[in-house]
PDB file of all heavy atoms in Angstrom:
ATOM      1  N   ALA A   1       0.851  -1.178  -0.021  1.00  0.00           N
ATOM      2  CA  ALA A   1       0.007   0.061   0.022  1.00  0.00           C
ATOM      3  C   ALA A   1       0.885   1.263  -0.044  1.00  0.00           C
ATOM      4  O   ALA A   1       0.602   2.229  -0.709  1.00  0.00           O
ATOM      5  CB  ALA A   1      -0.944  -0.010   1.206  1.00  0.00           C
ATOM      6  N   ILE A   2       1.905   1.273   0.804  1.00  0.00           N
ATOM      7  CA  ILE A   2       2.861   2.428   0.798  1.00  0.00           C
ATOM      8  C   ILE A   2       3.497   2.621  -0.548  1.00  0.00           C
ATOM      9  O   ILE A   2       3.649   3.729  -1.052  1.00  0.00           O
ATOM     10  CB  ILE A   2       3.894   2.163   1.889  1.00  0.00           C
ATOM     11  CG1 ILE A   2       3.257   2.108   3.265  1.00  0.00           C
ATOM     12  CG2 ILE A   2       5.031   3.167   1.877  1.00  0.00           C
ATOM     13  CD1 ILE A   2       4.124   1.620   4.417  1.00  0.00           C
ATOM     14  N   ALA A   3       3.966   1.527  -1.196  1.00  0.00           N
ATOM     15  CA  ALA A   3       4.645   1.575  -2.458  1.00  0.00           C
ATOM     16  C   ALA A   3       3.711   2.209  -3.505  1.00  0.00           C
ATOM     17  O   ALA A   3       4.190   2.866  -4.461  1.00  0.00           O
ATOM     18  CB  ALA A   3       5.127   0.228  -2.827  1.00  0.00           C
ATOM     19  N   GLN A   4       2.419   1.983  -3.388  1.00  0.00           N
ATOM     20  CA  GLN A   4       1.408   2.521  -4.383  1.00  0.00           C
ATOM     21  C   GLN A   4       1.019   3.916  -4.169  1.00  0.00           C
ATOM     22  O   GLN A   4       0.743   4.690  -5.082  1.00  0.00           O
ATOM     23  CB  GLN A   4       0.301   1.618  -4.461  1.00  0.00           C
ATOM     24  CG  GLN A   4       0.521   0.276  -5.077  1.00  0.00           C
ATOM     25  CD  GLN A   4      -0.720  -0.559  -5.394  1.00  0.00           C
ATOM     26  OE1 GLN A   4      -1.788  -0.233  -4.916  1.00  0.00           O
ATOM     27  NE2 GLN A   4      -0.491  -1.726  -5.906  1.00  0.00           N
ATOM     28  N   VAL A   5       1.041   4.308  -2.881  1.00  0.00           N
ATOM     29  CA  VAL A   5       0.503   5.751  -2.554  1.00  0.00           C
ATOM     30  C   VAL A   5       1.706   6.628  -2.529  1.00  0.00           C
ATOM     31  O   VAL A   5       1.478   8.005  -2.763  1.00  0.00           O
ATOM     32  CB  VAL A   5      -0.235   5.708  -1.159  1.00  0.00           C
ATOM     33  CG1 VAL A   5       0.769   5.739  -0.015  1.00  0.00           C
ATOM     34  CG2 VAL A   5      -1.154   6.913  -1.120  1.00  0.00           C
ATOM     35  N   LEU A   6       2.965   6.307  -2.223  1.00  0.00           N
ATOM     36  CA  LEU A   6       4.069   7.213  -2.198  1.00  0.00           C
ATOM     37  C   LEU A   6       4.271   8.026  -3.530  1.00  0.00           C
ATOM     38  O   LEU A   6       4.528   9.257  -3.465  1.00  0.00           O
ATOM     39  CB  LEU A   6       5.355   6.606  -1.825  1.00  0.00           C
ATOM     40  CG  LEU A   6       5.616   6.460  -0.183  1.00  0.00           C
ATOM     41  CD1 LEU A   6       6.838   5.707  -0.018  1.00  0.00           C
ATOM     42  CD2 LEU A   6       5.589   7.832   0.330  1.00  0.00           C
ATOM     43  N   PRO A   7       4.307   7.334  -4.658  1.00  0.00           N
ATOM     44  CA  PRO A   7       4.436   8.170  -5.920  1.00  0.00           C
ATOM     45  C   PRO A   7       3.492   9.334  -6.128  1.00  0.00           C
ATOM     46  O   PRO A   7       3.813  10.411  -6.459  1.00  0.00           O
ATOM     47  CB  PRO A   7       4.318   7.070  -6.988  1.00  0.00           C
ATOM     48  CG  PRO A   7       4.704   5.744  -6.317  1.00  0.00           C
ATOM     49  CD  PRO A   7       4.173   5.933  -4.888  1.00  0.00           C
ATOM     50  N   ALA A   8       2.153   9.021  -5.682  1.00  0.00           N
ATOM     51  CA  ALA A   8       1.185  10.046  -5.785  1.00  0.00           C
ATOM     52  C   ALA A   8       1.500  11.270  -4.823  1.00  0.00           C
ATOM     53  O   ALA A   8       1.265  12.380  -5.114  1.00  0.00           O
ATOM     54  CB  ALA A   8      -0.139   9.450  -5.496  1.00  0.00           C
ATOM     55  N   LEU A   9       1.989  10.845  -3.695  1.00  0.00           N
ATOM     56  CA  LEU A   9       2.282  11.889  -2.617  1.00  0.00           C
ATOM     57  C   LEU A   9       3.409  12.812  -3.072  1.00  0.00           C
ATOM     58  O   LEU A   9       3.460  13.979  -2.620  1.00  0.00           O
ATOM     59  CB  LEU A   9       2.498  11.243  -1.324  1.00  0.00           C
ATOM     60  CG  LEU A   9       1.324  10.580  -0.585  1.00  0.00           C
ATOM     61  CD1 LEU A   9       1.742   9.896   0.651  1.00  0.00           C
ATOM     62  CD2 LEU A   9       0.289  11.617  -0.258  1.00  0.00           C
ATOM     63  N   VAL A  10       4.329  12.291  -3.863  1.00  0.00           N
ATOM     64  CA  VAL A  10       5.405  13.168  -4.333  1.00  0.00           C
ATOM     65  C   VAL A  10       5.231  13.756  -5.788  1.00  0.00           C
ATOM     66  O   VAL A  10       6.179  14.254  -6.404  1.00  0.00           O
ATOM     67  CB  VAL A  10       6.788  12.329  -4.296  1.00  0.00           C
ATOM     68  CG1 VAL A  10       7.097  11.967  -2.786  1.00  0.00           C
ATOM     69  CG2 VAL A  10       6.821  11.175  -5.176  1.00  0.00           C
ATOM     70  N   GLY A  11       3.911  13.577  -6.185  1.00  0.00           N
ATOM     71  CA  GLY A  11       3.605  14.149  -7.506  1.00  0.00           C
ATOM     72  C   GLY A  11       4.076  13.329  -8.706  1.00  0.00           C
ATOM     73  O   GLY A  11       4.241  13.977  -9.781  1.00  0.00           O
ATOM     74  N   ARG A  12       4.298  12.115  -8.547  1.00  0.00           N
ATOM     75  CA  ARG A  12       4.753  11.178  -9.625  1.00  0.00           C
ATOM     76  C   ARG A  12       3.827  10.112  -9.820  1.00  0.00           C
ATOM     77  O   ARG A  12       2.859   9.851  -9.060  1.00  0.00           O
ATOM     78  CB  ARG A  12       6.171  10.725  -9.335  1.00  0.00           C
ATOM     79  CG  ARG A  12       7.285  11.686  -9.131  1.00  0.00           C
ATOM     80  CD  ARG A  12       7.694  12.339 -10.477  1.00  0.00           C
ATOM     81  NE  ARG A  12       8.774  13.220 -10.261  1.00  0.00           N
ATOM     82  CZ  ARG A  12      10.045  12.831 -10.399  1.00  0.00           C
ATOM     83  NH1 ARG A  12      10.337  11.601 -10.817  1.00  0.00           N
ATOM     84  NH2 ARG A  12      11.087  13.686 -10.270  1.00  0.00           N
ATOM     85  N   SER A  13       4.061   9.212 -10.785  1.00  0.00           N
ATOM     86  CA  SER A  13       3.308   7.975 -10.984  1.00  0.00           C
ATOM     87  C   SER A  13       4.325   6.918 -11.409  1.00  0.00           C
ATOM     88  O   SER A  13       5.466   7.327 -11.799  1.00  0.00           O
ATOM     89  CB  SER A  13       2.250   8.230 -11.938  1.00  0.00           C
ATOM     90  OG  SER A  13       2.678   8.111 -13.245  1.00  0.00           O
ATOM     91  N   TYR A  14       3.898   5.734 -11.497  1.00  0.00           N
ATOM     92  CA  TYR A  14       4.696   4.746 -11.981  1.00  0.00           C
ATOM     93  C   TYR A  14       5.265   4.935 -13.445  1.00  0.00           C
ATOM     94  O   TYR A  14       6.262   4.505 -13.912  1.00  0.00           O
ATOM     95  CB  TYR A  14       4.137   3.286 -12.008  1.00  0.00           C
ATOM     96  CG  TYR A  14       4.061   2.705 -10.535  1.00  0.00           C
ATOM     97  CD1 TYR A  14       3.067   1.891 -10.204  1.00  0.00           C
ATOM     98  CD2 TYR A  14       4.996   3.178  -9.539  1.00  0.00           C
ATOM     99  CE1 TYR A  14       2.896   1.377  -8.893  1.00  0.00           C
ATOM    100  CE2 TYR A  14       4.856   2.622  -8.270  1.00  0.00           C
ATOM    101  CZ  TYR A  14       3.869   1.765  -7.896  1.00  0.00           C
ATOM    102  OH  TYR A  14       3.858   1.209  -6.690  1.00  0.00           O
ATOM    103  N   LEU A  15       4.439   5.761 -14.244  1.00  0.00           N
ATOM    104  CA  LEU A  15       4.843   6.028 -15.587  1.00  0.00           C
ATOM    105  C   LEU A  15       6.095   6.862 -15.580  1.00  0.00           C
ATOM    106  O   LEU A  15       6.778   6.854 -16.680  1.00  0.00           O
ATOM    107  CB  LEU A  15       3.630   6.802 -16.223  1.00  0.00           C
ATOM    108  CG  LEU A  15       2.338   6.179 -16.436  1.00  0.00           C
ATOM    109  CD1 LEU A  15       1.237   7.057 -16.965  1.00  0.00           C
ATOM    110  CD2 LEU A  15       2.494   4.949 -17.266  1.00  0.00           C
ATOM    111  N   ASP A  16       6.389   7.541 -14.586  1.00  0.00           N
ATOM    112  CA  ASP A  16       7.646   8.443 -14.500  1.00  0.00           C
ATOM    113  C   ASP A  16       8.920   7.560 -14.442  1.00  0.00           C
ATOM    114  O   ASP A  16       9.989   8.108 -14.699  1.00  0.00           O
ATOM    115  CB  ASP A  16       7.542   9.452 -13.318  1.00  0.00           C
ATOM    116  CG  ASP A  16       6.561  10.464 -13.521  1.00  0.00           C
ATOM    117  OD1 ASP A  16       6.422  11.114 -14.582  1.00  0.00           O
ATOM    118  OD2 ASP A  16       5.639  10.585 -12.635  1.00  0.00           O
ATOM    119  N   VAL A  17       8.736   6.379 -14.181  1.00  0.00           N
ATOM    120  CA  VAL A  17       9.966   5.477 -13.987  1.00  0.00           C
ATOM    121  C   VAL A  17      10.747   5.511 -15.408  1.00  0.00           C
ATOM    122  O   VAL A  17      12.005   5.435 -15.359  1.00  0.00           O
ATOM    123  CB  VAL A  17       9.629   4.043 -13.670  1.00  0.00           C
ATOM    124  CG1 VAL A  17      10.803   3.088 -13.729  1.00  0.00           C
ATOM    125  CG2 VAL A  17       8.978   4.054 -12.219  1.00  0.00           C
ATOM    126  N   ALA A  18      10.017   5.525 -16.436  1.00  0.00           N
ATOM    127  CA  ALA A  18      10.715   5.405 -17.750  1.00  0.00           C
ATOM    128  C   ALA A  18      11.566   6.600 -18.002  1.00  0.00           C
ATOM    129  O   ALA A  18      12.526   6.570 -18.784  1.00  0.00           O
ATOM    130  CB  ALA A  18       9.661   5.304 -18.958  1.00  0.00           C
ATOM    131  N   GLY A  19      11.275   7.770 -17.401  1.00  0.00           N
ATOM    132  CA  GLY A  19      12.121   8.900 -17.577  1.00  0.00           C
ATOM    133  C   GLY A  19      13.165   9.308 -16.438  1.00  0.00           C
ATOM    134  O   GLY A  19      13.687  10.395 -16.521  1.00  0.00           O
ATOM    135  N   LEU A  20      13.247   8.416 -15.597  1.00  0.00           N
ATOM    136  CA  LEU A  20      14.163   8.674 -14.407  1.00  0.00           C
ATOM    137  C   LEU A  20      15.633   8.754 -14.974  1.00  0.00           C
ATOM    138  O   LEU A  20      16.055   8.002 -15.739  1.00  0.00           O
ATOM    139  CB  LEU A  20      14.102   7.604 -13.366  1.00  0.00           C
ATOM    140  CG  LEU A  20      12.871   7.617 -12.443  1.00  0.00           C
ATOM    141  CD1 LEU A  20      12.778   6.485 -11.550  1.00  0.00           C
ATOM    142  CD2 LEU A  20      12.708   9.025 -11.670  1.00  0.00           C
ATOM    143  N   ASP A  21      16.463   9.777 -14.351  1.00  0.00           N
ATOM    144  CA  ASP A  21      17.805   9.908 -14.640  1.00  0.00           C
ATOM    145  C   ASP A  21      18.545   9.233 -13.536  1.00  0.00           C
ATOM    146  O   ASP A  21      18.846   9.771 -12.536  1.00  0.00           O
ATOM    147  CB  ASP A  21      18.149  11.377 -14.749  1.00  0.00           C
ATOM    148  CG  ASP A  21      19.662  11.595 -15.113  1.00  0.00           C
ATOM    149  OD1 ASP A  21      20.257  10.589 -15.391  1.00  0.00           O
ATOM    150  OD2 ASP A  21      20.057  12.721 -15.098  1.00  0.00           O
ATOM    151  N   CYS A  22      18.947   7.945 -13.839  1.00  0.00           N
ATOM    152  CA  CYS A  22      19.521   7.112 -12.719  1.00  0.00           C
ATOM    153  C   CYS A  22      20.999   7.693 -12.504  1.00  0.00           C
ATOM    154  O   CYS A  22      21.554   7.490 -11.300  1.00  0.00           O
ATOM    155  CB  CYS A  22      19.637   5.660 -13.140  1.00  0.00           C
ATOM    156  SG  CYS A  22      18.054   4.996 -13.316  1.00  0.00           S
ATOM    157  N   ALA A  23      21.691   8.371 -13.458  1.00  0.00           N
ATOM    158  CA  ALA A  23      22.992   8.869 -13.266  1.00  0.00           C
ATOM    159  C   ALA A  23      23.045   9.849 -12.228  1.00  0.00           C
ATOM    160  O   ALA A  23      23.980  10.084 -11.439  1.00  0.00           O
ATOM    161  CB  ALA A  23      23.491   9.322 -14.599  1.00  0.00           C
ATOM    162  N   ALA A  24      21.962  10.641 -12.080  1.00  0.00           N
ATOM    163  CA  ALA A  24      21.924  11.749 -11.189  1.00  0.00           C
ATOM    164  C   ALA A  24      21.859  11.268  -9.723  1.00  0.00           C
ATOM    165  O   ALA A  24      22.138  12.031  -8.792  1.00  0.00           O
ATOM    166  CB  ALA A  24      20.582  12.606 -11.421  1.00  0.00           C
ATOM    167  N   THR A  25      21.540   9.938  -9.488  1.00  0.00           N
ATOM    168  CA  THR A  25      21.475   9.460  -8.171  1.00  0.00           C
ATOM    169  C   THR A  25      22.559   8.452  -7.841  1.00  0.00           C
ATOM    170  O   THR A  25      22.530   7.810  -6.777  1.00  0.00           O
ATOM    171  CB  THR A  25      20.028   8.842  -7.926  1.00  0.00           C
ATOM    172  OG1 THR A  25      19.902   7.733  -8.876  1.00  0.00           O
ATOM    173  CG2 THR A  25      18.957   9.825  -8.072  1.00  0.00           C
ATOM    174  N   LYS A  26      23.493   8.297  -8.728  1.00  0.00           N
ATOM    175  CA  LYS A  26      24.490   7.193  -8.567  1.00  0.00           C
ATOM    176  C   LYS A  26      25.391   7.478  -7.376  1.00  0.00           C
ATOM    177  O   LYS A  26      26.031   6.547  -6.873  1.00  0.00           O
ATOM    178  CB  LYS A  26      25.311   7.055  -9.812  1.00  0.00           C
ATOM    179  CG  LYS A  26      26.240   8.137 -10.183  1.00  0.00           C
ATOM    180  CD  LYS A  26      26.979   7.860 -11.471  1.00  0.00           C
ATOM    181  CE  LYS A  26      27.930   9.030 -11.817  1.00  0.00           C
ATOM    182  NZ  LYS A  26      28.670   8.720 -13.066  1.00  0.00           N
ATOM    183  N   ASP A  27      25.608   8.820  -7.021  1.00  0.00           N
ATOM    184  CA  ASP A  27      26.424   9.109  -5.936  1.00  0.00           C
ATOM    185  C   ASP A  27      25.721   9.064  -4.522  1.00  0.00           C
ATOM    186  O   ASP A  27      26.339   9.337  -3.557  1.00  0.00           O
ATOM    187  CB  ASP A  27      27.047  10.492  -6.086  1.00  0.00           C
ATOM    188  CG  ASP A  27      27.928  10.585  -7.305  1.00  0.00           C
ATOM    189  OD1 ASP A  27      28.650   9.498  -7.604  1.00  0.00           O
ATOM    190  OD2 ASP A  27      28.053  11.525  -7.904  1.00  0.00           O
ATOM    191  N   MET A  28      24.480   8.649  -4.563  1.00  0.00           N
ATOM    192  CA  MET A  28      23.689   8.691  -3.328  1.00  0.00           C
ATOM    193  C   MET A  28      24.228   7.456  -2.491  1.00  0.00           C
ATOM    194  O   MET A  28      24.115   6.352  -2.861  1.00  0.00           O
ATOM    195  CB  MET A  28      22.216   8.456  -3.523  1.00  0.00           C
ATOM    196  CG  MET A  28      21.363   8.380  -2.288  1.00  0.00           C
ATOM    197  SD  MET A  28      21.385   9.945  -1.398  1.00  0.00           S
ATOM    198  CE  MET A  28      20.231  10.892  -2.383  1.00  0.00           C
ATOM    199  N   SER A  29      24.820   7.733  -1.290  1.00  0.00           N
ATOM    200  CA  SER A  29      25.478   6.642  -0.502  1.00  0.00           C
ATOM    201  C   SER A  29      24.497   6.476   0.693  1.00  0.00           C
ATOM    202  O   SER A  29      23.761   7.353   1.025  1.00  0.00           O
ATOM    203  CB  SER A  29      26.856   7.095  -0.014  1.00  0.00           C
ATOM    204  OG  SER A  29      26.788   8.269   0.663  1.00  0.00           O
ATOM    205  N   PRO A  30      24.561   5.311   1.270  1.00  0.00           N
ATOM    206  CA  PRO A  30      23.725   4.974   2.537  1.00  0.00           C
ATOM    207  C   PRO A  30      23.756   6.038   3.602  1.00  0.00           C
ATOM    208  O   PRO A  30      22.748   6.316   4.248  1.00  0.00           O
ATOM    209  CB  PRO A  30      24.235   3.678   2.986  1.00  0.00           C
ATOM    210  CG  PRO A  30      24.771   2.999   1.789  1.00  0.00           C
ATOM    211  CD  PRO A  30      25.423   4.110   1.034  1.00  0.00           C
ATOM    212  N   ASN A  31      24.979   6.571   3.831  1.00  0.00           N
ATOM    213  CA  ASN A  31      24.997   7.523   4.958  1.00  0.00           C
ATOM    214  C   ASN A  31      24.444   8.907   4.687  1.00  0.00           C
ATOM    215  O   ASN A  31      24.261   9.730   5.541  1.00  0.00           O
ATOM    216  CB  ASN A  31      26.564   7.864   5.292  1.00  0.00           C
ATOM    217  CG  ASN A  31      27.423   8.367   4.132  1.00  0.00           C
ATOM    218  OD1 ASN A  31      26.800   8.548   3.012  1.00  0.00           O
ATOM    219  ND2 ASN A  31      28.626   8.696   4.491  1.00  0.00           N
ATOM    220  N   ARG A  32      23.983   9.060   3.305  1.00  0.00           N
ATOM    221  CA  ARG A  32      23.249  10.312   3.069  1.00  0.00           C
ATOM    222  C   ARG A  32      21.655  10.139   3.201  1.00  0.00           C
ATOM    223  O   ARG A  32      20.991  11.133   3.040  1.00  0.00           O
ATOM    224  CB  ARG A  32      23.564  10.735   1.655  1.00  0.00           C
ATOM    225  CG  ARG A  32      24.939  11.232   1.516  1.00  0.00           C
ATOM    226  CD  ARG A  32      25.298  11.606   0.000  1.00  0.00           C
ATOM    227  NE  ARG A  32      24.397  12.813  -0.316  1.00  0.00           N
ATOM    228  CZ  ARG A  32      24.358  13.186  -1.712  1.00  0.00           C
ATOM    229  NH1 ARG A  32      25.005  12.603  -2.621  1.00  0.00           N
ATOM    230  NH2 ARG A  32      23.561  14.257  -2.013  1.00  0.00           N
ATOM    231  N   LEU A  33      21.275   8.889   3.371  1.00  0.00           N
ATOM    232  CA  LEU A  33      19.886   8.616   3.490  1.00  0.00           C
ATOM    233  C   LEU A  33      19.469   8.921   4.965  1.00  0.00           C
ATOM    234  O   LEU A  33      20.295   8.646   5.882  1.00  0.00           O
ATOM    235  CB  LEU A  33      19.481   7.175   3.105  1.00  0.00           C
ATOM    236  CG  LEU A  33      19.983   6.837   1.690  1.00  0.00           C
ATOM    237  CD1 LEU A  33      19.666   5.356   1.431  1.00  0.00           C
ATOM    238  CD2 LEU A  33      19.029   7.616   0.739  1.00  0.00           C
ATOM    239  N   LEU A  34      18.181   9.210   5.203  1.00  0.00           N
ATOM    240  CA  LEU A  34      17.764   9.489   6.541  1.00  0.00           C
ATOM    241  C   LEU A  34      17.584   8.032   7.186  1.00  0.00           C
ATOM    242  O   LEU A  34      17.109   7.126   6.717  1.00  0.00           O
ATOM    243  CB  LEU A  34      16.320  10.108   6.491  1.00  0.00           C
ATOM    244  CG  LEU A  34      16.364  11.528   6.052  1.00  0.00           C
ATOM    245  CD1 LEU A  34      14.855  12.079   5.949  1.00  0.00           C
ATOM    246  CD2 LEU A  34      17.071  12.462   6.992  1.00  0.00           C
ATOM    247  N   PRO A  35      18.031   7.948   8.513  1.00  0.00           N
ATOM    248  CA  PRO A  35      17.941   6.719   9.188  1.00  0.00           C
ATOM    249  C   PRO A  35      16.503   6.429   9.595  1.00  0.00           C
ATOM    250  O   PRO A  35      15.727   7.289   9.819  1.00  0.00           O
ATOM    251  CB  PRO A  35      18.768   6.909  10.504  1.00  0.00           C
ATOM    252  CG  PRO A  35      18.771   8.327  10.649  1.00  0.00           C
ATOM    253  CD  PRO A  35      18.750   9.039   9.314  1.00  0.00           C
ATOM    254  N   LEU A  36      16.099   5.127   9.623  1.00  0.00           N
ATOM    255  CA  LEU A  36      14.831   4.847  10.029  1.00  0.00           C
ATOM    256  C   LEU A  36      14.778   4.920  11.457  1.00  0.00           C
ATOM    257  O   LEU A  36      15.529   4.414  12.215  1.00  0.00           O
ATOM    258  CB  LEU A  36      14.460   3.353   9.542  1.00  0.00           C
ATOM    259  CG  LEU A  36      14.411   3.161   8.077  1.00  0.00           C
ATOM    260  CD1 LEU A  36      14.142   1.629   7.746  1.00  0.00           C
ATOM    261  CD2 LEU A  36      13.165   3.980   7.493  1.00  0.00           C
ATOM    262  N   SER A  37      13.709   5.456  11.952  1.00  0.00           N
ATOM    263  CA  SER A  37      13.557   5.644  13.403  1.00  0.00           C
ATOM    264  C   SER A  37      12.982   4.261  14.043  1.00  0.00           C
ATOM    265  O   SER A  37      11.912   3.811  13.480  1.00  0.00           O
ATOM    266  CB  SER A  37      12.494   6.768  13.752  1.00  0.00           C
ATOM    267  OG  SER A  37      13.075   7.954  13.348  1.00  0.00           O
ATOM    268  N   PRO A  38      13.457   3.768  14.981  1.00  0.00           N
ATOM    269  CA  PRO A  38      12.922   2.577  15.629  1.00  0.00           C
ATOM    270  C   PRO A  38      11.588   2.882  16.260  1.00  0.00           C
ATOM    271  O   PRO A  38      11.321   3.962  16.743  1.00  0.00           O
ATOM    272  CB  PRO A  38      14.019   2.134  16.668  1.00  0.00           C
ATOM    273  CG  PRO A  38      14.617   3.457  17.121  1.00  0.00           C
ATOM    274  CD  PRO A  38      14.657   4.357  15.738  1.00  0.00           C
ATOM    275  N   VAL A  39      10.655   1.878  16.160  1.00  0.00           N
ATOM    276  CA  VAL A  39       9.479   2.045  16.814  1.00  0.00           C
ATOM    277  C   VAL A  39       9.642   1.779  18.295  1.00  0.00           C
ATOM    278  O   VAL A  39      10.022   0.609  18.665  1.00  0.00           O
ATOM    279  CB  VAL A  39       8.398   1.092  16.191  1.00  0.00           C
ATOM    280  CG1 VAL A  39       7.079   1.216  16.898  1.00  0.00           C
ATOM    281  CG2 VAL A  39       8.254   1.276  14.678  1.00  0.00           C
ATOM    282  N   LEU A  40       9.237   2.700  19.189  1.00  0.00           N
ATOM    283  CA  LEU A  40       9.455   2.529  20.588  1.00  0.00           C
ATOM    284  C   LEU A  40       8.286   1.634  21.080  1.00  0.00           C
ATOM    285  O   LEU A  40       7.070   1.995  20.836  1.00  0.00           O
ATOM    286  CB  LEU A  40       9.439   3.865  21.264  1.00  0.00           C
ATOM    287  CG  LEU A  40      10.592   4.843  20.796  1.00  0.00           C
ATOM    288  CD1 LEU A  40      10.448   6.156  21.545  1.00  0.00           C
ATOM    289  CD2 LEU A  40      11.938   4.146  21.190  1.00  0.00           C
ATOM    290  N   GLY A  41       8.653   0.669  21.807  1.00  0.00           N
ATOM    291  CA  GLY A  41       7.511  -0.166  22.377  1.00  0.00           C
ATOM    292  C   GLY A  41       7.268   0.114  23.863  1.00  0.00           C
ATOM    293  O   GLY A  41       7.950   1.010  24.405  1.00  0.00           O
ATOM    294  N   THR A  42       6.350  -0.591  24.404  1.00  0.00           N
ATOM    295  CA  THR A  42       6.077  -0.342  25.863  1.00  0.00           C
ATOM    296  C   THR A  42       6.312  -1.638  26.548  1.00  0.00           C
ATOM    297  O   THR A  42       5.464  -2.232  27.210  1.00  0.00           O
ATOM    298  CB  THR A  42       4.599   0.015  26.087  1.00  0.00           C
ATOM    299  OG1 THR A  42       3.794  -0.942  25.416  1.00  0.00           O
ATOM    300  CG2 THR A  42       4.442   1.406  25.328  1.00  0.00           C
ATOM    301  N   HIS A  43       7.490  -2.281  26.316  1.00  0.00           N
ATOM    302  CA  HIS A  43       7.855  -3.596  26.896  1.00  0.00           C
ATOM    303  C   HIS A  43       7.830  -3.540  28.423  1.00  0.00           C
ATOM    304  O   HIS A  43       8.195  -2.590  29.015  1.00  0.00           O
ATOM    305  CB  HIS A  43       9.273  -3.992  26.450  1.00  0.00           C
ATOM    306  CG  HIS A  43       9.274  -4.117  24.951  1.00  0.00           C
ATOM    307  ND1 HIS A  43       8.675  -5.090  24.264  1.00  0.00           N
ATOM    308  CD2 HIS A  43      10.065  -3.482  24.023  1.00  0.00           C
ATOM    309  CE1 HIS A  43       8.931  -4.905  22.945  1.00  0.00           C
ATOM    310  NE2 HIS A  43       9.826  -3.819  22.802  1.00  0.00           N
ATOM    311  N   GLY A  44       7.182  -4.528  28.943  1.00  0.00           N
ATOM    312  CA  GLY A  44       7.078  -4.630  30.433  1.00  0.00           C
ATOM    313  C   GLY A  44       5.867  -3.935  31.016  1.00  0.00           C
ATOM    314  O   GLY A  44       5.650  -4.027  32.210  1.00  0.00           O
ATOM    315  N   VAL A  45       5.218  -3.142  30.282  1.00  0.00           N
ATOM    316  CA  VAL A  45       4.027  -2.356  30.739  1.00  0.00           C
ATOM    317  C   VAL A  45       2.765  -3.197  30.339  1.00  0.00           C
ATOM    318  O   VAL A  45       2.522  -3.272  29.162  1.00  0.00           O
ATOM    319  CB  VAL A  45       3.980  -0.978  30.098  1.00  0.00           C
ATOM    320  CG1 VAL A  45       2.742  -0.320  30.634  1.00  0.00           C
ATOM    321  CG2 VAL A  45       5.190  -0.180  30.437  1.00  0.00           C
ATOM    322  N   PRO A  46       2.081  -3.711  31.291  1.00  0.00           N
ATOM    323  CA  PRO A  46       0.903  -4.511  30.982  1.00  0.00           C
ATOM    324  C   PRO A  46      -0.236  -3.599  30.406  1.00  0.00           C
ATOM    325  O   PRO A  46      -0.439  -2.498  30.758  1.00  0.00           O
ATOM    326  CB  PRO A  46       0.417  -5.084  32.313  1.00  0.00           C
ATOM    327  CG  PRO A  46       1.004  -4.187  33.341  1.00  0.00           C
ATOM    328  CD  PRO A  46       2.243  -3.651  32.744  1.00  0.00           C
TER     329      PRO A  46
END
């Protein structure tokens, strides 16, 4: 569901995949990506 709704939220559609410039993103390294925030649980709390 997330994969299908995200393109619309950023103003794109799956049709835009054909025109993506992959060279523009080749330098994107993992340390430049935002880290995923862990989901905080309530362990031990009944």
